[in-house]
């Protein structure tokens, strides 16, 4: 019998404006346009869903900051590695 472990990862950017800029750059390179209102809504919805739903249904989770074109691990279910960026992530989350 095999045991199975579910891991959850969340990537986040500094703010919705960072997402908007990335989408604009993708459009310039042939990517699809996404309305700004949708980008902003998805930014906050993704953070809220991860925090209020997904992290609680996986065996372990990790949080990564991706505004600097690198994946920087901010923390996981056991330890927060960068308190400042962690606070940026949770700062605008609406807890259930």
PDB file of N, CA and C in Angstrom:
ATOM      1  N   UNK A   1       0.835  -1.166   0.000  1.00  0.00           N
ATOM      2  CA  UNK A   1       0.000   0.000   0.000  1.00  0.00           C
ATOM      3  C   UNK A   1       0.889   1.241   0.000  1.00  0.00           C
ATOM      4  N   UNK A   2       0.546   2.219  -0.857  1.00  0.00           N
ATOM      5  CA  UNK A   2       1.302   3.465  -0.961  1.00  0.00           C
ATOM      6  C   UNK A   2       0.601   4.564  -0.192  1.00  0.00           C
ATOM      7  N   UNK A   3       1.385   5.346   0.525  1.00  0.00           N
ATOM      8  CA  UNK A   3       0.789   6.521   1.165  1.00  0.00           C
ATOM      9  C   UNK A   3       0.911   7.686   0.192  1.00  0.00           C
ATOM     10  N   UNK A   4       0.005   8.598   0.308  1.00  0.00           N
ATOM     11  CA  UNK A   4      -0.024   9.730  -0.605  1.00  0.00           C
ATOM     12  C   UNK A   4      -0.011  11.012   0.214  1.00  0.00           C
ATOM     13  N   UNK A   5       0.786  11.959  -0.210  1.00  0.00           N
ATOM     14  CA  UNK A   5       0.833  13.250   0.472  1.00  0.00           C
ATOM     15  C   UNK A   5       0.521  14.341  -0.528  1.00  0.00           C
ATOM     16  N   UNK A   6      -0.375  15.240  -0.134  1.00  0.00           N
ATOM     17  CA  UNK A   6      -0.719  16.381  -0.972  1.00  0.00           C
ATOM     18  C   UNK A   6       0.032  17.602  -0.484  1.00  0.00           C
ATOM     19  N   UNK A   7       0.741  18.245  -1.412  1.00  0.00           N
ATOM     20  CA  UNK A   7       1.476  19.460  -1.102  1.00  0.00           C
ATOM     21  C   UNK A   7       0.842  20.617  -1.855  1.00  0.00           C
ATOM     22  N   UNK A   8       0.784  21.770  -1.229  1.00  0.00           N
ATOM     23  CA  UNK A   8       0.244  22.960  -1.861  1.00  0.00           C
ATOM     24  C   UNK A   8       1.293  24.053  -1.924  1.00  0.00           C
ATOM     25  N   UNK A   9       1.363  24.723  -3.062  1.00  0.00           N
ATOM     26  CA  UNK A   9       2.295  25.832  -3.239  1.00  0.00           C
ATOM     27  C   UNK A   9       1.523  27.043  -3.726  1.00  0.00           C
ATOM     28  N   UNK A  10       1.862  28.198  -3.206  1.00  0.00           N
ATOM     29  CA  UNK A  10       1.249  29.446  -3.640  1.00  0.00           C
ATOM     30  C   UNK A  10       2.349  30.411  -4.024  1.00  0.00           C
ATOM     31  N   UNK A  11       2.239  30.974  -5.224  1.00  0.00           N
ATOM     32  CA  UNK A  11       3.154  31.999  -5.704  1.00  0.00           C
ATOM     33  C   UNK A  11       2.420  33.322  -5.619  1.00  0.00           C
ATOM     34  N   UNK A  12       3.098  34.361  -5.174  1.00  0.00           N
ATOM     35  CA  UNK A  12       2.433  35.658  -5.158  1.00  0.00           C
ATOM     36  C   UNK A  12       3.393  36.760  -5.566  1.00  0.00           C
ATOM     37  N   UNK A  13       2.798  37.831  -6.086  1.00  0.00           N
ATOM     38  CA  UNK A  13       3.536  39.020  -6.475  1.00  0.00           C
ATOM     39  C   UNK A  13       3.273  40.118  -5.454  1.00  0.00           C
ATOM     40  N   UNK A  14       4.045  41.169  -5.560  1.00  0.00           N
ATOM     41  CA  UNK A  14       3.956  42.299  -4.639  1.00  0.00           C
ATOM     42  C   UNK A  14       2.534  42.846  -4.508  1.00  0.00           C
ATOM     43  N   UNK A  15       1.884  43.038  -5.644  1.00  0.00           N
ATOM     44  CA  UNK A  15       0.555  43.644  -5.659  1.00  0.00           C
ATOM     45  C   UNK A  15      -0.101  43.394  -7.018  1.00  0.00           C
ATOM     46  N   UNK A  16      -1.368  43.753  -7.184  1.00  0.00           N
ATOM     47  CA  UNK A  16      -2.034  43.506  -8.475  1.00  0.00           C
ATOM     48  C   UNK A  16      -1.374  44.247  -9.635  1.00  0.00           C
ATOM     49  N   UNK A  17      -0.770  45.401  -9.360  1.00  0.00           N
ATOM     50  CA  UNK A  17      -0.109  46.150 -10.438  1.00  0.00           C
ATOM     51  C   UNK A  17       1.030  45.336 -11.062  1.00  0.00           C
ATOM     52  N   UNK A  18       1.708  44.544 -10.262  1.00  0.00           N
ATOM     53  CA  UNK A  18       2.763  43.674 -10.802  1.00  0.00           C
ATOM     54  C   UNK A  18       2.171  42.662 -11.779  1.00  0.00           C
ATOM     55  N   UNK A  19       1.003  42.117 -11.426  1.00  0.00           N
ATOM     56  CA  UNK A  19       0.328  41.182 -12.326  1.00  0.00           C
ATOM     57  C   UNK A  19      -0.083  41.873 -13.625  1.00  0.00           C
ATOM     58  N   UNK A  20      -0.617  43.089 -13.496  1.00  0.00           N
ATOM     59  CA  UNK A  20      -1.056  43.848 -14.672  1.00  0.00           C
ATOM     60  C   UNK A  20       0.121  44.095 -15.610  1.00  0.00           C
ATOM     61  N   UNK A  21       1.265  44.474 -15.049  1.00  0.00           N
ATOM     62  CA  UNK A  21       2.467  44.699 -15.872  1.00  0.00           C
ATOM     63  C   UNK A  21       2.913  43.435 -16.588  1.00  0.00           C
ATOM     64  N   UNK A  22       2.868  42.318 -15.896  1.00  0.00           N
ATOM     65  CA  UNK A  22       3.271  41.053 -16.527  1.00  0.00           C
ATOM     66  C   UNK A  22       2.337  40.676 -17.666  1.00  0.00           C
ATOM     67  N   UNK A  23       1.044  40.896 -17.471  1.00  0.00           N
ATOM     68  CA  UNK A  23       0.095  40.588 -18.545  1.00  0.00           C
ATOM     69  C   UNK A  23       0.341  41.506 -19.740  1.00  0.00           C
ATOM     70  N   UNK A  24       0.591  42.789 -19.510  1.00  0.00           N
ATOM     71  CA  UNK A  24       0.880  43.725 -20.616  1.00  0.00           C
ATOM     72  C   UNK A  24       2.091  43.251 -21.412  1.00  0.00           C
ATOM     73  N   UNK A  25       3.132  42.804 -20.704  1.00  0.00           N
ATOM     74  CA  UNK A  25       4.324  42.302 -21.399  1.00  0.00           C
ATOM     75  C   UNK A  25       4.012  41.053 -22.214  1.00  0.00           C
ATOM     76  N   UNK A  26       3.183  40.168 -21.680  1.00  0.00           N
ATOM     77  CA  UNK A  26       2.812  38.958 -22.415  1.00  0.00           C
ATOM     78  C   UNK A  26       2.010  39.306 -23.667  1.00  0.00           C
ATOM     79  N   UNK A  27       1.127  40.301 -23.547  1.00  0.00           N
ATOM     80  CA  UNK A  27       0.325  40.719 -24.708  1.00  0.00           C
ATOM     81  C   UNK A  27       1.250  41.244 -25.803  1.00  0.00           C
ATOM     82  N   UNK A  28       2.262  42.005 -25.422  1.00  0.00           N
ATOM     83  CA  UNK A  28       3.223  42.517 -26.408  1.00  0.00           C
ATOM     84  C   UNK A  28       3.963  41.385 -27.121  1.00  0.00           C
ATOM     85  N   UNK A  29       4.039  40.235 -26.476  1.00  0.00           N
ATOM     86  CA  UNK A  29       4.699  39.071 -27.064  1.00  0.00           C
ATOM     87  C   UNK A  29       3.713  38.059 -27.633  1.00  0.00           C
ATOM     88  N   UNK A  30       2.479  38.521 -27.890  1.00  0.00           N
ATOM     89  CA  UNK A  30       1.498  37.653 -28.534  1.00  0.00           C
ATOM     90  C   UNK A  30       0.532  36.957 -27.596  1.00  0.00           C
ATOM     91  N   UNK A  31       0.618  37.216 -26.307  1.00  0.00           N
ATOM     92  CA  UNK A  31      -0.279  36.574 -25.343  1.00  0.00           C
ATOM     93  C   UNK A  31      -1.665  37.203 -25.351  1.00  0.00           C
ATOM     94  N   UNK A  32      -2.575  36.575 -24.656  1.00  0.00           N
ATOM     95  CA  UNK A  32      -3.958  37.042 -24.583  1.00  0.00           C
ATOM     96  C   UNK A  32      -4.098  38.201 -23.611  1.00  0.00           C
ATOM     97  N   UNK A  33      -4.969  39.143 -23.982  1.00  0.00           N
ATOM     98  CA  UNK A  33      -5.304  40.266 -23.107  1.00  0.00           C
ATOM     99  C   UNK A  33      -6.266  39.793 -22.017  1.00  0.00           C
ATOM    100  N   UNK A  34      -6.056  40.272 -20.802  1.00  0.00           N
ATOM    101  CA  UNK A  34      -6.965  40.006 -19.689  1.00  0.00           C
ATOM    102  C   UNK A  34      -7.330  41.365 -19.103  1.00  0.00           C
ATOM    103  N   UNK A  35      -8.615  41.660 -18.969  1.00  0.00           N
ATOM    104  CA  UNK A  35      -9.022  42.963 -18.420  1.00  0.00           C
ATOM    105  C   UNK A  35      -8.439  43.191 -17.021  1.00  0.00           C
ATOM    106  N   UNK A  36      -8.061  44.444 -16.737  1.00  0.00           N
ATOM    107  CA  UNK A  36      -7.452  44.774 -15.447  1.00  0.00           C
ATOM    108  C   UNK A  36      -8.342  44.401 -14.271  1.00  0.00           C
ATOM    109  N   UNK A  37      -9.639  44.610 -14.405  1.00  0.00           N
ATOM    110  CA  UNK A  37     -10.548  44.247 -13.306  1.00  0.00           C
ATOM    111  C   UNK A  37     -10.462  42.763 -12.979  1.00  0.00           C
ATOM    112  N   UNK A  38     -10.322  41.926 -14.016  1.00  0.00           N
ATOM    113  CA  UNK A  38     -10.197  40.476 -13.801  1.00  0.00           C
ATOM    114  C   UNK A  38      -8.880  40.137 -13.105  1.00  0.00           C
ATOM    115  N   UNK A  39      -7.808  40.811 -13.513  1.00  0.00           N
ATOM    116  CA  UNK A  39      -6.500  40.554 -12.900  1.00  0.00           C
ATOM    117  C   UNK A  39      -6.536  40.901 -11.416  1.00  0.00           C
ATOM    118  N   UNK A  40      -7.104  42.041 -11.096  1.00  0.00           N
ATOM    119  CA  UNK A  40      -7.182  42.476  -9.701  1.00  0.00           C
ATOM    120  C   UNK A  40      -8.050  41.525  -8.890  1.00  0.00           C
ATOM    121  N   UNK A  41      -9.210  41.165  -9.428  1.00  0.00           N
ATOM    122  CA  UNK A  41     -10.115  40.245  -8.732  1.00  0.00           C
ATOM    123  C   UNK A  41      -9.433  38.900  -8.493  1.00  0.00           C
ATOM    124  N   UNK A  42      -8.755  38.379  -9.504  1.00  0.00           N
ATOM    125  CA  UNK A  42      -8.082  37.079  -9.388  1.00  0.00           C
ATOM    126  C   UNK A  42      -6.920  37.127  -8.399  1.00  0.00           C
ATOM    127  N   UNK A  43      -6.215  38.253  -8.351  1.00  0.00           N
ATOM    128  CA  UNK A  43      -5.092  38.416  -7.424  1.00  0.00           C
ATOM    129  C   UNK A  43      -5.569  38.193  -5.984  1.00  0.00           C
ATOM    130  N   UNK A  44      -6.605  38.921  -5.596  1.00  0.00           N
ATOM    131  CA  UNK A  44      -7.109  38.810  -4.225  1.00  0.00           C
ATOM    132  C   UNK A  44      -7.832  37.487  -3.980  1.00  0.00           C
ATOM    133  N   UNK A  45      -8.566  37.014  -4.970  1.00  0.00           N
ATOM    134  CA  UNK A  45      -9.281  35.746  -4.811  1.00  0.00           C
ATOM    135  C   UNK A  45      -8.296  34.601  -4.607  1.00  0.00           C
ATOM    136  N   UNK A  46      -7.221  34.588  -5.365  1.00  0.00           N
ATOM    137  CA  UNK A  46      -6.213  33.531  -5.249  1.00  0.00           C
ATOM    138  C   UNK A  46      -5.603  33.515  -3.848  1.00  0.00           C
ATOM    139  N   UNK A  47      -5.221  34.679  -3.346  1.00  0.00           N
ATOM    140  CA  UNK A  47      -4.637  34.744  -2.011  1.00  0.00           C
ATOM    141  C   UNK A  47      -5.625  34.271  -0.959  1.00  0.00           C
ATOM    142  N   UNK A  48      -6.862  34.733  -1.047  1.00  0.00           N
ATOM    143  CA  UNK A  48      -7.881  34.349  -0.072  1.00  0.00           C
ATOM    144  C   UNK A  48      -8.197  32.857  -0.129  1.00  0.00           C
ATOM    145  N   UNK A  49      -8.293  32.317  -1.322  1.00  0.00           N
ATOM    146  CA  UNK A  49      -8.602  30.895  -1.448  1.00  0.00           C
ATOM    147  C   UNK A  49      -7.463  30.029  -0.905  1.00  0.00           C
ATOM    148  N   UNK A  50      -6.231  30.419  -1.206  1.00  0.00           N
ATOM    149  CA  UNK A  50      -5.105  29.662  -0.660  1.00  0.00           C
ATOM    150  C   UNK A  50      -5.151  29.685   0.865  1.00  0.00           C
ATOM    151  N   UNK A  51      -5.286  30.872   1.457  1.00  0.00           N
ATOM    152  CA  UNK A  51      -5.197  31.019   2.897  1.00  0.00           C
ATOM    153  C   UNK A  51      -6.378  30.400   3.628  1.00  0.00           C
ATOM    154  N   UNK A  52      -7.572  30.563   3.084  1.00  0.00           N
ATOM    155  CA  UNK A  52      -8.787  30.142   3.787  1.00  0.00           C
ATOM    156  C   UNK A  52      -9.270  28.732   3.437  1.00  0.00           C
ATOM    157  N   UNK A  53      -8.753  28.163   2.344  1.00  0.00           N
ATOM    158  CA  UNK A  53      -9.219  26.835   1.928  1.00  0.00           C
ATOM    159  C   UNK A  53      -8.051  25.874   1.708  1.00  0.00           C
ATOM    160  N   UNK A  54      -7.231  26.152   0.702  1.00  0.00           N
ATOM    161  CA  UNK A  54      -6.257  25.166   0.238  1.00  0.00           C
ATOM    162  C   UNK A  54      -5.217  24.776   1.274  1.00  0.00           C
ATOM    163  N   UNK A  55      -4.675  25.738   2.009  1.00  0.00           N
ATOM    164  CA  UNK A  55      -3.605  25.389   2.966  1.00  0.00           C
ATOM    165  C   UNK A  55      -4.102  24.445   4.051  1.00  0.00           C
ATOM    166  N   UNK A  56      -5.409  24.453   4.289  1.00  0.00           N
ATOM    167  CA  UNK A  56      -5.969  23.598   5.334  1.00  0.00           C
ATOM    168  C   UNK A  56      -6.339  22.195   4.860  1.00  0.00           C
ATOM    169  N   UNK A  57      -6.314  21.975   3.555  1.00  0.00           N
ATOM    170  CA  UNK A  57      -6.698  20.650   3.062  1.00  0.00           C
ATOM    171  C   UNK A  57      -5.520  19.872   2.478  1.00  0.00           C
ATOM    172  N   UNK A  58      -4.333  20.438   2.553  1.00  0.00           N
ATOM    173  CA  UNK A  58      -3.139  19.728   2.085  1.00  0.00           C
ATOM    174  C   UNK A  58      -2.311  19.305   3.291  1.00  0.00           C
ATOM    175  N   UNK A  59      -1.443  18.348   3.087  1.00  0.00           N
ATOM    176  CA  UNK A  59      -0.579  17.867   4.158  1.00  0.00           C
ATOM    177  C   UNK A  59       0.519  18.872   4.502  1.00  0.00           C
ATOM    178  N   UNK A  60       0.995  19.579   3.494  1.00  0.00           N
ATOM    179  CA  UNK A  60       1.998  20.615   3.718  1.00  0.00           C
ATOM    180  C   UNK A  60       1.845  21.678   2.628  1.00  0.00           C
ATOM    181  N   UNK A  61       2.281  22.886   2.945  1.00  0.00           N
ATOM    182  CA  UNK A  61       2.193  23.978   1.980  1.00  0.00           C
ATOM    183  C   UNK A  61       3.437  24.848   2.063  1.00  0.00           C
ATOM    184  N   UNK A  62       3.698  25.537   0.948  1.00  0.00           N
ATOM    185  CA  UNK A  62       4.805  26.494   0.883  1.00  0.00           C
ATOM    186  C   UNK A  62       4.317  27.748   0.172  1.00  0.00           C
ATOM    187  N   UNK A  63       4.897  28.868   0.562  1.00  0.00           N
ATOM    188  CA  UNK A  63       4.536  30.167   0.018  1.00  0.00           C
ATOM    189  C   UNK A  63       5.776  30.770  -0.630  1.00  0.00           C
ATOM    190  N   UNK A  64       5.637  31.203  -1.893  1.00  0.00           N
ATOM    191  CA  UNK A  64       6.762  31.755  -2.646  1.00  0.00           C
ATOM    192  C   UNK A  64       6.438  33.157  -3.145  1.00  0.00           C
ATOM    193  N   UNK A  65       7.409  34.039  -3.017  1.00  0.00           N
ATOM    194  CA  UNK A  65       7.321  35.407  -3.531  1.00  0.00           C
ATOM    195  C   UNK A  65       7.966  35.415  -4.903  1.00  0.00           C
ATOM    196  N   UNK A  66       7.298  36.039  -5.892  1.00  0.00           N
ATOM    197  CA  UNK A  66       7.804  35.963  -7.262  1.00  0.00           C
ATOM    198  C   UNK A  66       7.840  37.320  -7.954  1.00  0.00           C
ATOM    199  N   UNK A  67       7.926  38.423  -7.223  1.00  0.00           N
ATOM    200  CA  UNK A  67       7.953  39.745  -7.855  1.00  0.00           C
ATOM    201  C   UNK A  67       9.325  40.114  -8.408  1.00  0.00           C
ATOM    202  N   UNK A  68      10.354  39.443  -7.984  1.00  0.00           N
ATOM    203  CA  UNK A  68      11.716  39.778  -8.414  1.00  0.00           C
ATOM    204  C   UNK A  68      12.255  38.837  -9.486  1.00  0.00           C
ATOM    205  N   UNK A  69      11.361  38.207 -10.247  1.00  0.00           N
ATOM    206  CA  UNK A  69      11.740  37.277 -11.315  1.00  0.00           C
ATOM    207  C   UNK A  69      12.479  36.036 -10.813  1.00  0.00           C
ATOM    208  N   UNK A  70      12.416  35.791  -9.520  1.00  0.00           N
ATOM    209  CA  UNK A  70      12.929  34.548  -8.951  1.00  0.00           C
ATOM    210  C   UNK A  70      11.867  34.020  -7.995  1.00  0.00           C
ATOM    211  N   UNK A  71      11.935  32.768  -7.687  1.00  0.00           N
ATOM    212  CA  UNK A  71      11.036  32.180  -6.712  1.00  0.00           C
ATOM    213  C   UNK A  71      11.743  32.189  -5.361  1.00  0.00           C
ATOM    214  N   UNK A  72      11.253  33.016  -4.447  1.00  0.00           N
ATOM    215  CA  UNK A  72      11.843  33.114  -3.123  1.00  0.00           C
ATOM    216  C   UNK A  72      10.884  32.494  -2.110  1.00  0.00           C
ATOM    217  N   UNK A  73      11.315  31.429  -1.465  1.00  0.00           N
ATOM    218  CA  UNK A  73      10.458  30.769  -0.483  1.00  0.00           C
ATOM    219  C   UNK A  73      10.318  31.653   0.747  1.00  0.00           C
ATOM    220  N   UNK A  74       9.079  31.976   1.083  1.00  0.00           N
ATOM    221  CA  UNK A  74       8.777  32.862   2.199  1.00  0.00           C
ATOM    222  C   UNK A  74       8.471  32.064   3.459  1.00  0.00           C
ATOM    223  N   UNK A  75       7.911  30.886   3.282  1.00  0.00           N
ATOM    224  CA  UNK A  75       7.594  30.064   4.430  1.00  0.00           C
ATOM    225  C   UNK A  75       6.828  28.829   4.037  1.00  0.00           C
ATOM    226  N   UNK A  76       6.471  28.059   5.053  1.00  0.00           N
ATOM    227  CA  UNK A  76       5.663  26.859   4.845  1.00  0.00           C
ATOM    228  C   UNK A  76       4.830  26.619   6.097  1.00  0.00           C
ATOM    229  N   UNK A  77       4.163  25.497   6.145  1.00  0.00           N
ATOM    230  CA  UNK A  77       3.294  25.213   7.286  1.00  0.00           C
ATOM    231  C   UNK A  77       4.069  25.060   8.594  1.00  0.00           C
ATOM    232  N   UNK A  78       5.379  24.890   8.538  1.00  0.00           N
ATOM    233  CA  UNK A  78       6.190  24.730   9.742  1.00  0.00           C
ATOM    234  C   UNK A  78       6.919  25.994  10.191  1.00  0.00           C
ATOM    235  N   UNK A  79       7.257  26.881   9.221  1.00  0.00           N
ATOM    236  CA  UNK A  79       8.142  27.993   9.572  1.00  0.00           C
ATOM    237  C   UNK A  79       7.992  29.149   8.587  1.00  0.00           C
ATOM    238  N   UNK A  80       8.016  30.369   9.107  1.00  0.00           N
ATOM    239  CA  UNK A  80       8.043  31.562   8.271  1.00  0.00           C
ATOM    240  C   UNK A  80       9.506  31.964   8.106  1.00  0.00           C
ATOM    241  N   UNK A  81       9.947  32.100   6.858  1.00  0.00           N
ATOM    242  CA  UNK A  81      11.351  32.396   6.573  1.00  0.00           C
ATOM    243  C   UNK A  81      11.613  33.890   6.377  1.00  0.00           C
ATOM    244  N   UNK A  82      10.618  34.622   5.886  1.00  0.00           N
ATOM    245  CA  UNK A  82      10.752  36.068   5.660  1.00  0.00           C
ATOM    246  C   UNK A  82       9.491  36.744   6.195  1.00  0.00           C
ATOM    247  N   UNK A  83       9.601  37.239   7.406  1.00  0.00           N
ATOM    248  CA  UNK A  83       8.443  37.817   8.108  1.00  0.00           C
ATOM    249  C   UNK A  83       7.845  39.009   7.360  1.00  0.00           C
ATOM    250  N   UNK A  84       8.687  39.855   6.788  1.00  0.00           N
ATOM    251  CA  UNK A  84       8.211  41.056   6.087  1.00  0.00           C
ATOM    252  C   UNK A  84       7.354  40.694   4.863  1.00  0.00           C
ATOM    253  N   UNK A  85       7.838  39.782   4.048  1.00  0.00           N
ATOM    254  CA  UNK A  85       7.086  39.388   2.857  1.00  0.00           C
ATOM    255  C   UNK A  85       5.861  38.552   3.223  1.00  0.00           C
ATOM    256  N   UNK A  86       5.974  37.784   4.275  1.00  0.00           N
ATOM    257  CA  UNK A  86       4.821  37.023   4.771  1.00  0.00           C
ATOM    258  C   UNK A  86       3.703  37.980   5.180  1.00  0.00           C
ATOM    259  N   UNK A  87       4.053  39.048   5.876  1.00  0.00           N
ATOM    260  CA  UNK A  87       3.057  40.040   6.280  1.00  0.00           C
ATOM    261  C   UNK A  87       2.435  40.727   5.071  1.00  0.00           C
ATOM    262  N   UNK A  88       3.225  40.938   4.006  1.00  0.00           N
ATOM    263  CA  UNK A  88       2.660  41.498   2.764  1.00  0.00           C
ATOM    264  C   UNK A  88       1.609  40.558   2.182  1.00  0.00           C
ATOM    265  N   UNK A  89       1.895  39.278   2.244  1.00  0.00           N
ATOM    266  CA  UNK A  89       0.960  38.308   1.682  1.00  0.00           C
ATOM    267  C   UNK A  89      -0.340  38.284   2.470  1.00  0.00           C
ATOM    268  N   UNK A  90      -0.256  38.192   3.780  1.00  0.00           N
ATOM    269  CA  UNK A  90      -1.475  38.030   4.573  1.00  0.00           C
ATOM    270  C   UNK A  90      -2.168  39.362   4.888  1.00  0.00           C
ATOM    271  N   UNK A  91      -1.513  40.484   4.593  1.00  0.00           N
ATOM    272  CA  UNK A  91      -2.024  41.796   4.971  1.00  0.00           C
ATOM    273  C   UNK A  91      -3.421  42.123   4.462  1.00  0.00           C
ATOM    274  N   UNK A  92      -3.760  41.672   3.286  1.00  0.00           N
ATOM    275  CA  UNK A  92      -5.080  42.021   2.728  1.00  0.00           C
ATOM    276  C   UNK A  92      -6.000  40.809   2.572  1.00  0.00           C
ATOM    277  N   UNK A  93      -5.679  39.741   3.288  1.00  0.00           N
ATOM    278  CA  UNK A  93      -6.521  38.539   3.223  1.00  0.00           C
ATOM    279  C   UNK A  93      -7.700  38.690   4.170  1.00  0.00           C
ATOM    280  N   UNK A  94      -8.851  38.310   3.674  1.00  0.00           N
ATOM    281  CA  UNK A  94     -10.063  38.309   4.495  1.00  0.00           C
ATOM    282  C   UNK A  94     -10.217  36.908   5.074  1.00  0.00           C
ATOM    283  N   UNK A  95     -10.022  36.787   6.375  1.00  0.00           N
ATOM    284  CA  UNK A  95     -10.120  35.485   7.016  1.00  0.00           C
ATOM    285  C   UNK A  95     -11.577  35.093   7.204  1.00  0.00           C
ATOM    286  N   UNK A  96     -11.843  33.801   6.969  1.00  0.00           N
ATOM    287  CA  UNK A  96     -13.204  33.285   7.155  1.00  0.00           C
ATOM    288  C   UNK A  96     -13.457  32.971   8.603  1.00  0.00           C
TER     289      UNK A  96
END
